[in-house]
């Protein structure tokens, strides 16, 4: 564990642009900073992908390095406050600032972006028939229910085809003639139709 004098010396070396000082800082406090970012996100109930957490982590290092490490140099070590505690506090505040900034940008709308021509065009665009839309939703629901009545193997086969695996590739995968693949697709189509019509 470093003394307050050693911690201040490290920060002074960082401020002077010494590369080895930054390496030492990352080695000593990198995990602490990453954990502080993760913990803050978790406490705020925000789920982030690993890349997003790393993005905040890296932005925090840029934040700390700005103006010759001005923020780090504010550390005084008063009241038995260690550099680790100081850095953890900065990490938590920075993460919260990022969360707030992202929330603002997510709901920000620039009214200047909508010009008069676009506004007028929106009124002339066709409006969908509510009854037709309701019928389409009902058909979608029936189709989903019908698919649930297929066996897991049938659903897997159909899923491959619907996701772009053509008949020739399916034939190789299932070690069957292409005509058999088309025949099976037709059978499944009829089976689904029968389930839907049967209610």
Foldseek 3Di string as FASTA:
>chain_A
DDDQVVLLVLLVCQLVVPPVSVVVVCVVAVVLLLVLLVVLCVVVVHDDDPVVSVVLSVVLVVVCPPPSSVQLNVDDCPPVQDSSNSSSVSSNVSSVVVVVVVVCVVPDDDPVVQDPVNVVVVVVDDDDDPVVVVVVVVVVVLLVVLLVPDDPVLNVLVVCVVVPCDLVNVCVVVVHDSVVSVVSVVVVVVSSVCSSVVD
